[in-house]
PDB file of all heavy atoms in Angstrom:
ATOM      1  N   GLU A   1     277.429 163.368 -79.026  1.00  0.00           N
ATOM      2  CA  GLU A   1     276.522 164.488 -79.271  1.00  0.00           C
ATOM      3  C   GLU A   1     275.113 164.161 -78.762  1.00  0.00           C
ATOM      4  O   GLU A   1     274.434 165.020 -78.177  1.00  0.00           O
ATOM      5  CB  GLU A   1     276.483 164.818 -80.771  1.00  0.00           C
ATOM      6  CG  GLU A   1     277.837 165.109 -81.393  1.00  0.00           C
ATOM      7  CD  GLU A   1     278.517 166.319 -80.777  1.00  0.00           C
ATOM      8  OE1 GLU A   1     277.832 167.146 -80.163  1.00  0.00           O
ATOM      9  OE2 GLU A   1     279.753 166.426 -80.920  1.00  0.00           O
ATOM     10  N   ALA A   2     274.679 162.931 -78.986  1.00  0.00           N
ATOM     11  CA  ALA A   2     273.357 162.519 -78.502  1.00  0.00           C
ATOM     12  C   ALA A   2     273.315 162.493 -76.973  1.00  0.00           C
ATOM     13  O   ALA A   2     272.300 162.845 -76.364  1.00  0.00           O
ATOM     14  CB  ALA A   2     273.004 161.139 -79.060  1.00  0.00           C
ATOM     15  N   PHE A   3     274.415 162.093 -76.360  1.00  0.00           N
ATOM     16  CA  PHE A   3     274.479 162.063 -74.896  1.00  0.00           C
ATOM     17  C   PHE A   3     274.331 163.467 -74.315  1.00  0.00           C
ATOM     18  O   PHE A   3     273.636 163.676 -73.316  1.00  0.00           O
ATOM     19  CB  PHE A   3     275.808 161.441 -74.457  1.00  0.00           C
ATOM     20  CG  PHE A   3     275.997 161.416 -72.963  1.00  0.00           C
ATOM     21  CD1 PHE A   3     275.214 160.605 -72.168  1.00  0.00           C
ATOM     22  CD2 PHE A   3     276.955 162.219 -72.354  1.00  0.00           C
ATOM     23  CE1 PHE A   3     275.382 160.576 -70.788  1.00  0.00           C
ATOM     24  CE2 PHE A   3     277.122 162.201 -70.989  1.00  0.00           C
ATOM     25  CZ  PHE A   3     276.338 161.385 -70.206  1.00  0.00           C
ATOM     26  N   ARG A   4     274.962 164.448 -74.943  1.00  0.00           N
ATOM     27  CA  ARG A   4     274.828 165.832 -74.479  1.00  0.00           C
ATOM     28  C   ARG A   4     273.383 166.307 -74.596  1.00  0.00           C
ATOM     29  O   ARG A   4     272.891 167.062 -73.747  1.00  0.00           O
ATOM     30  CB  ARG A   4     275.755 166.740 -75.281  1.00  0.00           C
ATOM     31  CG  ARG A   4     277.239 166.467 -75.077  1.00  0.00           C
ATOM     32  CD  ARG A   4     278.103 167.528 -75.756  1.00  0.00           C
ATOM     33  NE  ARG A   4     279.515 167.200 -75.643  1.00  0.00           N
ATOM     34  CZ  ARG A   4     280.223 166.589 -76.590  1.00  0.00           C
ATOM     35  NH1 ARG A   4     279.628 166.260 -77.734  1.00  0.00           N
ATOM     36  NH2 ARG A   4     281.507 166.325 -76.421  1.00  0.00           N
ATOM     37  N   LEU A   5     272.700 165.876 -75.638  1.00  0.00           N
ATOM     38  CA  LEU A   5     271.309 166.276 -75.839  1.00  0.00           C
ATOM     39  C   LEU A   5     270.412 165.697 -74.740  1.00  0.00           C
ATOM     40  O   LEU A   5     269.523 166.386 -74.216  1.00  0.00           O
ATOM     41  CB  LEU A   5     270.839 165.795 -77.214  1.00  0.00           C
ATOM     42  CG  LEU A   5     269.652 166.530 -77.845  1.00  0.00           C
ATOM     43  CD1 LEU A   5     269.977 168.004 -78.058  1.00  0.00           C
ATOM     44  CD2 LEU A   5     269.280 165.884 -79.161  1.00  0.00           C
ATOM     45  N   VAL A   6     270.650 164.450 -74.376  1.00  0.00           N
ATOM     46  CA  VAL A   6     269.848 163.816 -73.323  1.00  0.00           C
ATOM     47  C   VAL A   6     270.115 164.470 -71.966  1.00  0.00           C
ATOM     48  O   VAL A   6     269.191 164.666 -71.171  1.00  0.00           O
ATOM     49  CB  VAL A   6     270.143 162.307 -73.270  1.00  0.00           C
ATOM     50  CG1 VAL A   6     269.488 161.659 -72.056  1.00  0.00           C
ATOM     51  CG2 VAL A   6     269.648 161.629 -74.536  1.00  0.00           C
ATOM     52  N   LYS A   7     271.367 164.822 -71.701  1.00  0.00           N
ATOM     53  CA  LYS A   7     271.673 165.518 -70.447  1.00  0.00           C
ATOM     54  C   LYS A   7     270.935 166.847 -70.364  1.00  0.00           C
ATOM     55  O   LYS A   7     270.491 167.262 -69.293  1.00  0.00           O
ATOM     56  CB  LYS A   7     273.189 165.749 -70.336  1.00  0.00           C
ATOM     57  CG  LYS A   7     273.986 164.501 -70.011  1.00  0.00           C
ATOM     58  CD  LYS A   7     275.461 164.823 -69.863  1.00  0.00           C
ATOM     59  CE  LYS A   7     275.718 165.774 -68.708  1.00  0.00           C
ATOM     60  NZ  LYS A   7     277.177 166.038 -68.546  1.00  0.00           N
ATOM     61  N   GLU A   8     270.806 167.512 -71.497  1.00  0.00           N
ATOM     62  CA  GLU A   8     270.087 168.782 -71.528  1.00  0.00           C
ATOM     63  C   GLU A   8     268.593 168.569 -71.257  1.00  0.00           C
ATOM     64  O   GLU A   8     267.962 169.361 -70.552  1.00  0.00           O
ATOM     65  CB  GLU A   8     270.294 169.450 -72.876  1.00  0.00           C
ATOM     66  CG  GLU A   8     269.740 170.856 -72.962  1.00  0.00           C
ATOM     67  CD  GLU A   8     270.150 171.561 -74.240  1.00  0.00           C
ATOM     68  OE1 GLU A   8     271.368 171.615 -74.511  1.00  0.00           O
ATOM     69  OE2 GLU A   8     269.260 172.022 -74.969  1.00  0.00           O
ATOM     70  N   ALA A   9     268.036 167.497 -71.810  1.00  0.00           N
ATOM     71  CA  ALA A   9     266.618 167.197 -71.582  1.00  0.00           C
ATOM     72  C   ALA A   9     266.351 166.875 -70.123  1.00  0.00           C
ATOM     73  O   ALA A   9     265.258 167.150 -69.607  1.00  0.00           O
ATOM     74  CB  ALA A   9     266.184 166.031 -72.470  1.00  0.00           C
ATOM     75  N   LYS A  10     267.334 166.341 -69.450  1.00  0.00           N
ATOM     76  CA  LYS A  10     267.167 165.992 -68.040  1.00  0.00           C
ATOM     77  C   LYS A  10     266.998 167.236 -67.175  1.00  0.00           C
ATOM     78  O   LYS A  10     266.441 167.169 -66.067  1.00  0.00           O
ATOM     79  CB  LYS A  10     268.375 165.176 -67.563  1.00  0.00           C
ATOM     80  CG  LYS A  10     268.194 164.530 -66.208  1.00  0.00           C
ATOM     81  CD  LYS A  10     269.390 163.660 -65.849  1.00  0.00           C
ATOM     82  CE  LYS A  10     269.202 163.008 -64.489  1.00  0.00           C
ATOM     83  NZ  LYS A  10     270.373 162.166 -64.124  1.00  0.00           N
ATOM     84  N   ASN A  11     267.453 168.382 -67.655  1.00  0.00           N
ATOM     85  CA  ASN A  11     267.338 169.629 -66.889  1.00  0.00           C
ATOM     86  C   ASN A  11     265.957 170.256 -66.975  1.00  0.00           C
ATOM     87  O   ASN A  11     265.692 171.262 -66.328  1.00  0.00           O
ATOM     88  CB  ASN A  11     268.381 170.638 -67.387  1.00  0.00           C
ATOM     89  CG  ASN A  11     269.806 170.195 -67.116  1.00  0.00           C
ATOM     90  OD1 ASN A  11     270.064 169.488 -66.145  1.00  0.00           O
ATOM     91  ND2 ASN A  11     270.731 170.581 -67.970  1.00  0.00           N
ATOM     92  N   ILE A  12     265.053 169.687 -67.796  1.00  0.00           N
ATOM     93  CA  ILE A  12     263.697 170.228 -67.920  1.00  0.00           C
ATOM     94  C   ILE A  12     262.896 169.861 -66.675  1.00  0.00           C
ATOM     95  O   ILE A  12     262.827 168.690 -66.291  1.00  0.00           O
ATOM     96  CB  ILE A  12     263.000 169.682 -69.180  1.00  0.00           C
ATOM     97  CG1 ILE A  12     263.773 170.088 -70.437  1.00  0.00           C
ATOM     98  CG2 ILE A  12     261.562 170.183 -69.264  1.00  0.00           C
ATOM     99  CD1 ILE A  12     263.210 169.503 -71.720  1.00  0.00           C
ATOM    100  N   THR A  13     262.311 170.845 -66.029  1.00  0.00           N
ATOM    101  CA  THR A  13     261.479 170.628 -64.851  1.00  0.00           C
ATOM    102  C   THR A  13     260.077 171.152 -65.126  1.00  0.00           C
ATOM    103  O   THR A  13     259.772 171.611 -66.222  1.00  0.00           O
ATOM    104  CB  THR A  13     262.084 171.328 -63.624  1.00  0.00           C
ATOM    105  OG1 THR A  13     262.137 172.756 -63.871  1.00  0.00           O
ATOM    106  CG2 THR A  13     263.508 170.837 -63.357  1.00  0.00           C
ATOM    107  N   THR A  14     259.231 171.118 -64.100  1.00  0.00           N
ATOM    108  CA  THR A  14     257.848 171.571 -64.287  1.00  0.00           C
ATOM    109  C   THR A  14     257.755 173.066 -64.534  1.00  0.00           C
ATOM    110  O   THR A  14     256.769 173.541 -65.110  1.00  0.00           O
ATOM    111  CB  THR A  14     257.015 171.216 -63.048  1.00  0.00           C
ATOM    112  OG1 THR A  14     257.651 171.773 -61.881  1.00  0.00           O
ATOM    113  CG2 THR A  14     256.898 169.702 -62.890  1.00  0.00           C
ATOM    114  N   ASP A  15     258.757 173.833 -64.107  1.00  0.00           N
ATOM    115  CA  ASP A  15     258.701 175.287 -64.286  1.00  0.00           C
ATOM    116  C   ASP A  15     259.906 175.851 -65.027  1.00  0.00           C
ATOM    117  O   ASP A  15     260.127 177.056 -65.044  1.00  0.00           O
ATOM    118  CB  ASP A  15     258.575 175.984 -62.927  1.00  0.00           C
ATOM    119  CG  ASP A  15     259.699 175.591 -61.968  1.00  0.00           C
ATOM    120  OD1 ASP A  15     260.524 174.729 -62.350  1.00  0.00           O
ATOM    121  OD2 ASP A  15     259.744 176.133 -60.851  1.00  0.00           O
ATOM    122  N   HIS A  16     260.702 174.977 -65.646  1.00  0.00           N
ATOM    123  CA  HIS A  16     261.888 175.454 -66.371  1.00  0.00           C
ATOM    124  C   HIS A  16     262.137 174.581 -67.589  1.00  0.00           C
ATOM    125  O   HIS A  16     262.048 173.348 -67.525  1.00  0.00           O
ATOM    126  CB  HIS A  16     263.123 175.431 -65.473  1.00  0.00           C
ATOM    127  CG  HIS A  16     264.402 175.660 -66.220  1.00  0.00           C
ATOM    128  ND1 HIS A  16     264.782 176.888 -66.722  1.00  0.00           N
ATOM    129  CD2 HIS A  16     265.395 174.785 -66.581  1.00  0.00           C
ATOM    130  CE1 HIS A  16     265.935 176.776 -67.346  1.00  0.00           C
ATOM    131  NE2 HIS A  16     266.331 175.519 -67.269  1.00  0.00           N
ATOM    132  N   ILE A  17     262.451 175.247 -68.710  1.00  0.00           N
ATOM    133  CA  ILE A  17     262.821 174.531 -69.923  1.00  0.00           C
ATOM    134  C   ILE A  17     263.962 175.293 -70.595  1.00  0.00           C
ATOM    135  O   ILE A  17     263.878 176.510 -70.785  1.00  0.00           O
ATOM    136  CB  ILE A  17     261.614 174.387 -70.877  1.00  0.00           C
ATOM    137  CG1 ILE A  17     261.999 173.535 -72.098  1.00  0.00           C
ATOM    138  CG2 ILE A  17     261.072 175.729 -71.310  1.00  0.00           C
ATOM    139  CD1 ILE A  17     260.815 173.169 -72.970  1.00  0.00           C
ATOM    140  N   PRO A  18     265.065 174.618 -70.937  1.00  0.00           N
ATOM    141  CA  PRO A  18     266.159 175.307 -71.645  1.00  0.00           C
ATOM    142  C   PRO A  18     265.730 175.679 -73.061  1.00  0.00           C
ATOM    143  O   PRO A  18     264.762 175.136 -73.599  1.00  0.00           O
ATOM    144  CB  PRO A  18     267.288 174.260 -71.657  1.00  0.00           C
ATOM    145  CG  PRO A  18     266.871 173.189 -70.705  1.00  0.00           C
ATOM    146  CD  PRO A  18     265.379 173.218 -70.654  1.00  0.00           C
ATOM    147  N   ALA A  19     266.461 176.608 -73.648  1.00  0.00           N
ATOM    148  CA  ALA A  19     266.181 176.985 -75.031  1.00  0.00           C
ATOM    149  C   ALA A  19     266.417 175.789 -75.953  1.00  0.00           C
ATOM    150  O   ALA A  19     267.287 174.947 -75.694  1.00  0.00           O
ATOM    151  CB  ALA A  19     267.063 178.159 -75.449  1.00  0.00           C
ATOM    152  N   TYR A  20     265.623 175.713 -77.015  1.00  0.00           N
ATOM    153  CA  TYR A  20     265.754 174.607 -77.964  1.00  0.00           C
ATOM    154  C   TYR A  20     267.140 174.643 -78.603  1.00  0.00           C
ATOM    155  O   TYR A  20     267.547 175.647 -79.187  1.00  0.00           O
ATOM    156  CB  TYR A  20     264.678 174.712 -79.040  1.00  0.00           C
ATOM    157  CG  TYR A  20     264.683 173.556 -80.010  1.00  0.00           C
ATOM    158  CD1 TYR A  20     264.119 172.338 -79.664  1.00  0.00           C
ATOM    159  CD2 TYR A  20     265.247 173.688 -81.279  1.00  0.00           C
ATOM    160  CE1 TYR A  20     264.114 171.279 -80.554  1.00  0.00           C
ATOM    161  CE2 TYR A  20     265.247 172.635 -82.171  1.00  0.00           C
ATOM    162  CZ  TYR A  20     264.684 171.436 -81.809  1.00  0.00           C
ATOM    163  OH  TYR A  20     264.695 170.381 -82.686  1.00  0.00           O
ATOM    164  N   ASN A  21     267.860 173.525 -78.477  1.00  0.00           N
ATOM    165  CA  ASN A  21     269.237 173.451 -78.949  1.00  0.00           C
ATOM    166  C   ASN A  21     269.257 172.928 -80.386  1.00  0.00           C
ATOM    167  O   ASN A  21     269.503 171.750 -80.640  1.00  0.00           O
ATOM    168  CB  ASN A  21     270.068 172.550 -78.030  1.00  0.00           C
ATOM    169  CG  ASN A  21     271.554 172.755 -78.225  1.00  0.00           C
ATOM    170  OD1 ASN A  21     271.990 173.198 -79.274  1.00  0.00           O
ATOM    171  ND2 ASN A  21     272.330 172.436 -77.215  1.00  0.00           N
ATOM    172  N   GLU A  22     268.999 173.816 -81.320  1.00  0.00           N
ATOM    173  CA  GLU A  22     268.917 173.426 -82.729  1.00  0.00           C
ATOM    174  C   GLU A  22     270.252 172.915 -83.255  1.00  0.00           C
ATOM    175  O   GLU A  22     270.304 171.959 -84.038  1.00  0.00           O
ATOM    176  CB  GLU A  22     268.440 174.608 -83.568  1.00  0.00           C
ATOM    177  CG  GLU A  22     268.245 174.286 -85.038  1.00  0.00           C
ATOM    178  CD  GLU A  22     267.678 175.455 -85.822  1.00  0.00           C
ATOM    179  OE1 GLU A  22     267.404 176.509 -85.203  1.00  0.00           O
ATOM    180  OE2 GLU A  22     267.507 175.319 -87.039  1.00  0.00           O
ATOM    181  N   GLU A  23     271.347 173.518 -82.821  1.00  0.00           N
ATOM    182  CA  GLU A  23     272.661 173.112 -83.305  1.00  0.00           C
ATOM    183  C   GLU A  23     272.989 171.697 -82.853  1.00  0.00           C
ATOM    184  O   GLU A  23     273.509 170.887 -83.636  1.00  0.00           O
ATOM    185  CB  GLU A  23     273.721 174.094 -82.797  1.00  0.00           C
ATOM    186  CG  GLU A  23     275.155 173.719 -83.162  1.00  0.00           C
ATOM    187  CD  GLU A  23     275.403 173.720 -84.669  1.00  0.00           C
ATOM    188  OE1 GLU A  23     274.597 174.316 -85.400  1.00  0.00           O
ATOM    189  OE2 GLU A  23     276.402 173.120 -85.096  1.00  0.00           O
ATOM    190  N   GLN A  24     272.688 171.363 -81.594  1.00  0.00           N
ATOM    191  CA  GLN A  24     272.976 170.020 -81.084  1.00  0.00           C
ATOM    192  C   GLN A  24     272.108 168.975 -81.791  1.00  0.00           C
ATOM    193  O   GLN A  24     272.587 167.880 -82.116  1.00  0.00           O
ATOM    194  CB  GLN A  24     272.736 169.971 -79.571  1.00  0.00           C
ATOM    195  CG  GLN A  24     273.354 168.761 -78.885  1.00  0.00           C
ATOM    196  CD  GLN A  24     274.870 168.782 -78.947  1.00  0.00           C
ATOM    197  OE1 GLN A  24     275.491 169.831 -79.017  1.00  0.00           O
ATOM    198  NE2 GLN A  24     275.472 167.614 -78.930  1.00  0.00           N
ATOM    199  N   VAL A  25     270.859 169.303 -82.043  1.00  0.00           N
ATOM    200  CA  VAL A  25     269.979 168.391 -82.772  1.00  0.00           C
ATOM    201  C   VAL A  25     270.510 168.161 -84.184  1.00  0.00           C
ATOM    202  O   VAL A  25     270.508 167.041 -84.697  1.00  0.00           O
ATOM    203  CB  VAL A  25     268.539 168.956 -82.816  1.00  0.00           C
ATOM    204  CG1 VAL A  25     267.673 168.150 -83.771  1.00  0.00           C
ATOM    205  CG2 VAL A  25     267.925 168.968 -81.428  1.00  0.00           C
ATOM    206  N   ARG A  26     271.003 169.219 -84.810  1.00  0.00           N
ATOM    207  CA  ARG A  26     271.555 169.105 -86.157  1.00  0.00           C
ATOM    208  C   ARG A  26     272.772 168.189 -86.182  1.00  0.00           C
ATOM    209  O   ARG A  26     272.940 167.376 -87.103  1.00  0.00           O
ATOM    210  CB  ARG A  26     271.923 170.491 -86.698  1.00  0.00           C
ATOM    211  CG  ARG A  26     272.389 170.486 -88.155  1.00  0.00           C
ATOM    212  CD  ARG A  26     272.911 171.852 -88.558  1.00  0.00           C
ATOM    213  NE  ARG A  26     274.114 172.203 -87.810  1.00  0.00           N
ATOM    214  CZ  ARG A  26     275.327 171.745 -88.103  1.00  0.00           C
ATOM    215  NH1 ARG A  26     275.509 170.938 -89.137  1.00  0.00           N
ATOM    216  NH2 ARG A  26     276.365 172.097 -87.376  1.00  0.00           N
ATOM    217  N   LEU A  27     273.637 168.302 -85.174  1.00  0.00           N
ATOM    218  CA  LEU A  27     274.832 167.465 -85.119  1.00  0.00           C
ATOM    219  C   LEU A  27     274.474 165.992 -84.965  1.00  0.00           C
ATOM    220  O   LEU A  27     275.083 165.123 -85.610  1.00  0.00           O
ATOM    221  CB  LEU A  27     275.723 167.912 -83.946  1.00  0.00           C
ATOM    222  CG  LEU A  27     276.432 169.263 -84.107  1.00  0.00           C
ATOM    223  CD1 LEU A  27     277.195 169.613 -82.838  1.00  0.00           C
ATOM    224  CD2 LEU A  27     277.371 169.247 -85.303  1.00  0.00           C
ATOM    225  N   VAL A  28     273.492 165.690 -84.125  1.00  0.00           N
ATOM    226  CA  VAL A  28     273.080 164.300 -83.924  1.00  0.00           C
ATOM    227  C   VAL A  28     272.473 163.741 -85.211  1.00  0.00           C
ATOM    228  O   VAL A  28     272.778 162.616 -85.623  1.00  0.00           O
ATOM    229  CB  VAL A  28     272.077 164.189 -82.757  1.00  0.00           C
ATOM    230  CG1 VAL A  28     271.581 162.746 -82.612  1.00  0.00           C
ATOM    231  CG2 VAL A  28     272.714 164.653 -81.451  1.00  0.00           C
ATOM    232  N   ALA A  29     271.623 164.522 -85.868  1.00  0.00           N
ATOM    233  CA  ALA A  29     271.013 164.069 -87.117  1.00  0.00           C
ATOM    234  C   ALA A  29     272.060 163.880 -88.200  1.00  0.00           C
ATOM    235  O   ALA A  29     271.992 162.923 -88.998  1.00  0.00           O
ATOM    236  CB  ALA A  29     269.954 165.073 -87.559  1.00  0.00           C
ATOM    237  N   GLN A  30     273.042 164.768 -88.244  1.00  0.00           N
ATOM    238  CA  GLN A  30     274.098 164.680 -89.262  1.00  0.00           C
ATOM    239  C   GLN A  30     274.938 163.424 -89.041  1.00  0.00           C
ATOM    240  O   GLN A  30     275.274 162.715 -90.000  1.00  0.00           O
ATOM    241  CB  GLN A  30     274.967 165.934 -89.204  1.00  0.00           C
ATOM    242  CG  GLN A  30     275.952 166.076 -90.347  1.00  0.00           C
ATOM    243  CD  GLN A  30     276.710 167.392 -90.294  1.00  0.00           C
ATOM    244  OE1 GLN A  30     276.870 167.985 -89.227  1.00  0.00           O
ATOM    245  NE2 GLN A  30     277.175 167.853 -91.430  1.00  0.00           N
ATOM    246  N   GLU A  31     275.292 163.148 -87.797  1.00  0.00           N
ATOM    247  CA  GLU A  31     276.057 161.941 -87.509  1.00  0.00           C
ATOM    248  C   GLU A  31     275.258 160.690 -87.863  1.00  0.00           C
ATOM    249  O   GLU A  31     275.802 159.726 -88.400  1.00  0.00           O
ATOM    250  CB  GLU A  31     276.446 161.905 -86.026  1.00  0.00           C
ATOM    251  CG  GLU A  31     277.261 160.676 -85.658  1.00  0.00           C
ATOM    252  CD  GLU A  31     277.567 160.614 -84.173  1.00  0.00           C
ATOM    253  OE1 GLU A  31     276.629 160.339 -83.388  1.00  0.00           O
ATOM    254  OE2 GLU A  31     278.732 160.824 -83.796  1.00  0.00           O
ATOM    255  N   SER A  32     273.959 160.711 -87.592  1.00  0.00           N
ATOM    256  CA  SER A  32     273.112 159.551 -87.882  1.00  0.00           C
ATOM    257  C   SER A  32     273.037 159.292 -89.378  1.00  0.00           C
ATOM    258  O   SER A  32     273.096 158.135 -89.819  1.00  0.00           O
ATOM    259  CB  SER A  32     271.706 159.779 -87.311  1.00  0.00           C
ATOM    260  OG  SER A  32     271.758 159.955 -85.910  1.00  0.00           O
ATOM    261  N   ARG A  33     272.908 160.340 -90.167  1.00  0.00           N
ATOM    262  CA  ARG A  33     272.870 160.156 -91.620  1.00  0.00           C
ATOM    263  C   ARG A  33     274.187 159.585 -92.137  1.00  0.00           C
ATOM    264  O   ARG A  33     274.207 158.740 -93.035  1.00  0.00           O
ATOM    265  CB  ARG A  33     272.556 161.491 -92.306  1.00  0.00           C
ATOM    266  CG  ARG A  33     271.105 161.928 -92.166  1.00  0.00           C
ATOM    267  CD  ARG A  33     270.794 163.074 -93.117  1.00  0.00           C
ATOM    268  NE  ARG A  33     271.573 164.264 -92.804  1.00  0.00           N
ATOM    269  CZ  ARG A  33     271.158 165.232 -91.997  1.00  0.00           C
ATOM    270  NH1 ARG A  33     269.975 165.133 -91.402  1.00  0.00           N
ATOM    271  NH2 ARG A  33     271.911 166.282 -91.767  1.00  0.00           N
ATOM    272  N   TYR A  34     275.290 160.062 -91.576  1.00  0.00           N
ATOM    273  CA  TYR A  34     276.596 159.563 -92.006  1.00  0.00           C
ATOM    274  C   TYR A  34     276.755 158.083 -91.655  1.00  0.00           C
ATOM    275  O   TYR A  34     277.251 157.288 -92.469  1.00  0.00           O
ATOM    276  CB  TYR A  34     277.702 160.383 -91.352  1.00  0.00           C
ATOM    277  CG  TYR A  34     279.087 159.926 -91.724  1.00  0.00           C
ATOM    278  CD1 TYR A  34     279.665 160.313 -92.928  1.00  0.00           C
ATOM    279  CD2 TYR A  34     279.811 159.096 -90.879  1.00  0.00           C
ATOM    280  CE1 TYR A  34     280.932 159.885 -93.281  1.00  0.00           C
ATOM    281  CE2 TYR A  34     281.077 158.662 -91.221  1.00  0.00           C
ATOM    282  CZ  TYR A  34     281.640 159.055 -92.428  1.00  0.00           C
ATOM    283  OH  TYR A  34     282.881 158.620 -92.772  1.00  0.00           O
TER     284      TYR A  34
END
């Protein structure tokens, strides 16, 4: 899940940013707590 999040961050450029992926962030945080 964290790897998918980093791949998404790699797509950010000077004139483009993907929508904030709240669900993916939640999954990574949930796995970390577990």
